[in-house]
């Protein structure tokens, strides 16, 4: 946009370029997340309250985990909110790392959402296939349900971080490092809690569990990090 800037009282005007970037789409994404969480609470008030207490109690799994499927409207709504929030935090991370490339690429947020979606669905499909091959479909479904629920809880944390970064203070190297370490720790605690539930089966198949852990719980995230950076 060209802005007229008078440099003196003389009868001439010089024009200077001023770069104006619009963050309206960020507000739209954040408002969409708020709408999704509100919609989930409105449609399933009791379930939402139990979901919020998930870090403190396993009642959510005892009530819903045994009868509901992974593809439940409540899970889908929260996953979409998770997708938007995680992608937005990744966008802010890239904006801090490589601002010149992020500003030039107008579709980078859409690309991040697409990459994250493909990553999650491919990983989910592989785990389902393994469950079918090994005749562990019931066990795998229970495990995936718990893991999705914990990831949706972490999605709330990503949402708050996205709001802070968008409207209060941009994240820097130290804050990003603290945040990602916190996410890794919380994700590890969630996985440990899920593994503890199926401890007997894991101990009897410990070798296969280690292979699974390396192939489907560690390697994919390293690959995703490499692709993003």
Protein backbone atom coordinates (compact mmCIF):
# COMPACT_ATOMS: atom_id res chain seq x y z
CA UNK A 1 0.00 0.00 0.00
CA UNK A 2 1.34 3.46 -0.87
CA UNK A 3 1.13 5.93 2.00
CA UNK A 4 1.55 9.65 1.42
CA UNK A 5 4.07 11.01 3.91
CA UNK A 6 4.67 14.80 3.90
CA UNK A 7 8.36 15.39 4.53
CA UNK A 8 8.28 19.20 4.74
CA UNK A 9 6.09 22.22 4.27
CA UNK A 10 7.05 22.46 0.62
CA UNK A 11 4.50 21.79 -2.11
CA UNK A 12 5.54 18.26 -2.85
CA UNK A 13 4.82 14.85 -1.44
CA UNK A 14 7.08 11.82 -1.47
CA UNK A 15 5.62 8.32 -1.32
CA UNK A 16 7.05 5.49 0.72
CA UNK A 17 6.16 1.80 0.64
CA UNK A 18 4.78 0.38 3.86
CA UNK A 19 4.20 -3.36 4.13
CA UNK A 20 0.92 -4.17 5.82
CA UNK A 21 0.18 -7.79 6.69
CA UNK A 22 -3.28 -8.98 7.62
CA UNK A 23 -3.83 -11.38 10.50
CA UNK A 24 -7.58 -11.63 9.98
CA UNK A 25 -7.29 -15.31 9.07
CA UNK A 26 -5.59 -16.04 12.41
CA UNK A 27 -8.54 -14.51 14.24
CA UNK A 28 -10.88 -16.59 12.08
CA UNK A 29 -9.00 -19.79 12.97
CA UNK A 30 -9.06 -18.99 16.69
CA UNK A 31 -12.77 -18.12 16.58
CA UNK A 32 -13.40 -21.40 14.75
CA UNK A 33 -11.67 -23.30 17.56
CA UNK A 34 -13.76 -21.47 20.18
CA UNK A 35 -16.90 -22.30 18.19
CA UNK A 36 -15.94 -25.98 17.97
CA UNK A 37 -15.27 -26.28 21.72
CA UNK A 38 -18.51 -24.44 22.48
CA UNK A 39 -20.41 -26.67 20.05
CA UNK A 40 -18.97 -29.81 21.66
CA UNK A 41 -19.89 -28.60 25.15
CA UNK A 42 -23.40 -27.63 24.02
CA UNK A 43 -24.13 -30.98 22.35
CA UNK A 44 -22.44 -33.17 24.96
CA UNK A 45 -22.31 -31.20 28.26
CA UNK A 46 -21.72 -34.16 30.62
CA UNK A 47 -19.23 -35.80 28.31
CA UNK A 48 -17.33 -32.53 27.91
CA UNK A 49 -17.06 -32.08 31.69
CA UNK A 50 -15.70 -35.62 32.06
CA UNK A 51 -13.31 -34.96 29.18
CA UNK A 52 -11.93 -31.82 30.84
CA UNK A 53 -11.23 -33.85 34.00
CA UNK A 54 -9.34 -36.50 32.03
CA UNK A 55 -5.87 -35.46 33.34
CA UNK A 56 -7.14 -36.08 36.88
CA UNK A 57 -9.49 -39.05 36.43
CA UNK A 58 -10.07 -42.01 34.09
CA UNK A 59 -13.84 -41.79 34.49
CA UNK A 60 -14.11 -40.58 30.90
CA UNK A 61 -12.71 -43.88 29.60
CA UNK A 62 -14.73 -45.98 32.03
CA UNK A 63 -17.99 -44.36 30.90
CA UNK A 64 -17.38 -43.79 27.19
CA UNK A 65 -14.28 -45.73 26.16
CA UNK A 66 -15.90 -49.17 26.26
CA UNK A 67 -19.03 -48.39 24.26
CA UNK A 68 -18.23 -45.48 21.94
CA UNK A 69 -16.26 -45.74 18.74
CA UNK A 70 -13.32 -43.57 17.75
CA UNK A 71 -15.38 -42.01 14.95
CA UNK A 72 -17.82 -40.34 17.32
CA UNK A 73 -19.09 -36.78 16.60
CA UNK A 74 -17.61 -35.57 19.90
CA UNK A 75 -14.17 -36.93 19.00
CA UNK A 76 -14.37 -35.54 15.46
CA UNK A 77 -15.27 -32.03 16.67
CA UNK A 78 -12.38 -31.98 19.15
CA UNK A 79 -9.98 -33.41 16.58
CA UNK A 80 -10.79 -30.62 14.12
CA UNK A 81 -10.14 -28.07 16.89
CA UNK A 82 -6.89 -29.89 17.67
CA UNK A 83 -5.91 -29.81 13.99
CA UNK A 84 -6.49 -26.05 13.74
CA UNK A 85 -4.67 -25.27 17.01
CA UNK A 86 -1.63 -27.49 16.42
CA UNK A 87 -1.24 -26.19 12.87
CA UNK A 88 -1.42 -22.59 14.12
CA UNK A 89 1.32 -23.17 16.70
CA UNK A 90 3.47 -24.81 14.01
CA UNK A 91 2.82 -21.75 11.83
CA UNK A 92 4.03 -19.42 14.62
CA UNK A 93 7.09 -21.63 15.08
CA UNK A 94 7.96 -21.38 11.37
CA UNK A 95 7.22 -17.64 11.43
CA UNK A 96 9.86 -17.33 14.12
CA UNK A 97 12.35 -19.64 12.38
CA UNK A 98 11.98 -18.59 8.73
CA UNK A 99 9.86 -15.40 8.62
CA UNK A 100 10.86 -14.42 5.08
CA UNK A 101 9.61 -17.71 3.61
CA UNK A 102 6.45 -17.80 5.71
CA UNK A 103 5.39 -14.27 4.71
CA UNK A 104 5.89 -15.01 1.02
CA UNK A 105 3.89 -18.26 1.11
CA UNK A 106 0.24 -17.26 1.55
CA UNK A 107 -0.92 -20.89 1.72
CA UNK A 108 1.54 -22.17 4.28
CA UNK A 109 -1.10 -22.60 7.02
CA UNK A 110 -3.27 -24.68 4.67
CA UNK A 111 -0.21 -26.73 3.77
CA UNK A 112 0.55 -27.32 7.46
CA UNK A 113 -3.05 -28.42 8.12
CA UNK A 114 -2.94 -30.78 5.16
CA UNK A 115 0.40 -32.29 6.20
CA UNK A 116 -0.74 -32.78 9.79
CA UNK A 117 -4.03 -34.36 8.69
CA UNK A 118 -2.31 -36.77 6.31
CA UNK A 119 0.23 -37.67 9.01
CA UNK A 120 -2.49 -38.47 11.58
CA UNK A 121 -4.73 -40.43 9.20
CA UNK A 122 -1.88 -42.47 7.70
CA UNK A 123 -0.56 -43.32 11.17
CA UNK A 124 -4.08 -44.25 12.30
CA UNK A 125 -4.62 -46.47 9.24
CA UNK A 126 -1.30 -48.29 9.75
CA UNK A 127 -2.12 -49.00 13.40
CA UNK A 128 -5.58 -50.29 12.44
CA UNK A 129 -4.04 -52.57 9.79
CA UNK A 130 -1.53 -53.94 12.28
CA UNK A 131 -4.36 -54.60 14.74
CA UNK A 132 -6.31 -56.53 12.11
CA UNK A 133 -3.28 -58.57 11.03
CA UNK A 134 -2.40 -59.55 14.60
CA UNK A 135 -6.04 -60.13 15.62
CA UNK A 136 -5.78 -57.36 18.19
CA UNK A 137 -8.48 -55.13 16.78
CA UNK A 138 -10.33 -54.66 20.08
CA UNK A 139 -7.11 -53.83 21.95
CA UNK A 140 -5.91 -51.44 19.24
CA UNK A 141 -9.28 -49.68 19.11
CA UNK A 142 -9.20 -49.13 22.86
CA UNK A 143 -5.63 -47.86 22.70
CA UNK A 144 -6.36 -45.50 19.78
CA UNK A 145 -9.44 -44.16 21.57
CA UNK A 146 -7.40 -43.32 24.65
CA UNK A 147 -4.58 -41.80 22.63
CA UNK A 148 -6.97 -39.63 20.60
CA UNK A 149 -8.62 -38.39 23.80
CA UNK A 150 -5.28 -37.45 25.35
CA UNK A 151 -4.20 -35.69 22.14
CA UNK A 152 -7.44 -33.72 22.14
CA UNK A 153 -6.66 -32.60 25.70
CA UNK A 154 -3.22 -31.48 24.52
CA UNK A 155 -5.02 -29.69 21.68
CA UNK A 156 -6.52 -27.38 24.33
CA UNK A 157 -3.02 -26.49 25.48
CA UNK A 158 -1.99 -25.76 21.89
CA UNK A 159 -5.06 -23.54 21.57
CA UNK A 160 -4.10 -21.43 24.60
CA UNK A 161 -0.52 -21.12 23.35
CA UNK A 162 -1.81 -20.01 19.93
CA UNK A 163 -3.99 -17.33 21.56
CA UNK A 164 -1.07 -16.05 23.65
CA UNK A 165 1.23 -15.93 20.63
CA UNK A 166 -1.38 -14.22 18.44
CA UNK A 167 -2.64 -11.52 20.82
CA UNK A 168 -0.25 -11.08 23.73
CA UNK A 169 3.40 -11.86 23.10
CA UNK A 170 5.04 -13.72 20.18
CA UNK A 171 6.85 -16.86 21.25
CA UNK A 172 10.64 -16.86 21.03
CA UNK A 173 13.29 -19.56 21.16
CA UNK A 174 13.16 -20.10 24.93
CA UNK A 175 9.37 -20.18 25.17
CA UNK A 176 9.08 -22.52 22.18
CA UNK A 177 11.65 -24.86 23.73
CA UNK A 178 9.84 -24.88 27.09
CA UNK A 179 6.50 -25.45 25.39
CA UNK A 180 7.65 -28.35 23.22
CA UNK A 181 9.45 -30.01 26.14
CA UNK A 182 6.24 -29.69 28.15
CA UNK A 183 4.25 -31.25 25.30
CA UNK A 184 6.71 -34.15 25.07
CA UNK A 185 6.49 -34.75 28.83
CA UNK A 186 2.69 -34.62 28.89
CA UNK A 187 2.46 -36.82 25.83
CA UNK A 188 4.83 -39.31 27.47
CA UNK A 189 2.71 -39.34 30.63
CA UNK A 190 -0.45 -39.91 28.56
CA UNK A 191 1.14 -42.79 26.64
CA UNK A 192 2.48 -44.32 29.85
CA UNK A 193 -1.00 -44.17 31.39
CA UNK A 194 -2.44 -45.91 28.35
CA UNK A 195 0.31 -48.55 28.33
CA UNK A 196 -0.21 -49.14 32.04
CA UNK A 197 -3.85 -50.06 31.33
CA UNK A 198 -2.67 -52.84 29.01
CA UNK A 199 0.42 -53.74 31.04
CA UNK A 200 -0.07 -57.52 31.06
CA UNK A 201 -0.41 -57.77 27.28
CA UNK A 202 2.62 -55.53 26.78
CA UNK A 203 4.81 -57.59 29.10
CA UNK A 204 3.93 -60.84 27.32
CA UNK A 205 4.74 -59.24 23.96
CA UNK A 206 7.50 -56.89 25.07
CA UNK A 207 9.70 -57.33 21.97
CA UNK A 208 6.83 -56.45 19.61
CA UNK A 209 5.92 -53.53 21.85
CA UNK A 210 9.43 -52.08 21.53
CA UNK A 211 9.26 -52.46 17.74
CA UNK A 212 5.90 -50.73 17.72
CA UNK A 213 7.17 -47.94 19.97
CA UNK A 214 10.14 -47.22 17.71
CA UNK A 215 8.31 -47.63 14.40
CA UNK A 216 4.98 -45.89 15.09
CA UNK A 217 5.44 -43.67 18.14
CA UNK A 218 8.92 -42.20 17.75
CA UNK A 219 10.02 -42.37 14.11
CA UNK A 220 6.90 -40.69 12.60
CA UNK A 221 7.35 -37.59 14.75
CA UNK A 222 11.03 -37.33 13.87
CA UNK A 223 10.10 -37.57 10.19
CA UNK A 224 7.34 -34.96 10.65
CA UNK A 225 9.80 -32.59 12.35
CA UNK A 226 12.29 -33.02 9.52
CA UNK A 227 9.62 -32.36 6.89
CA UNK A 228 8.38 -29.22 8.66
CA UNK A 229 11.84 -27.75 9.25
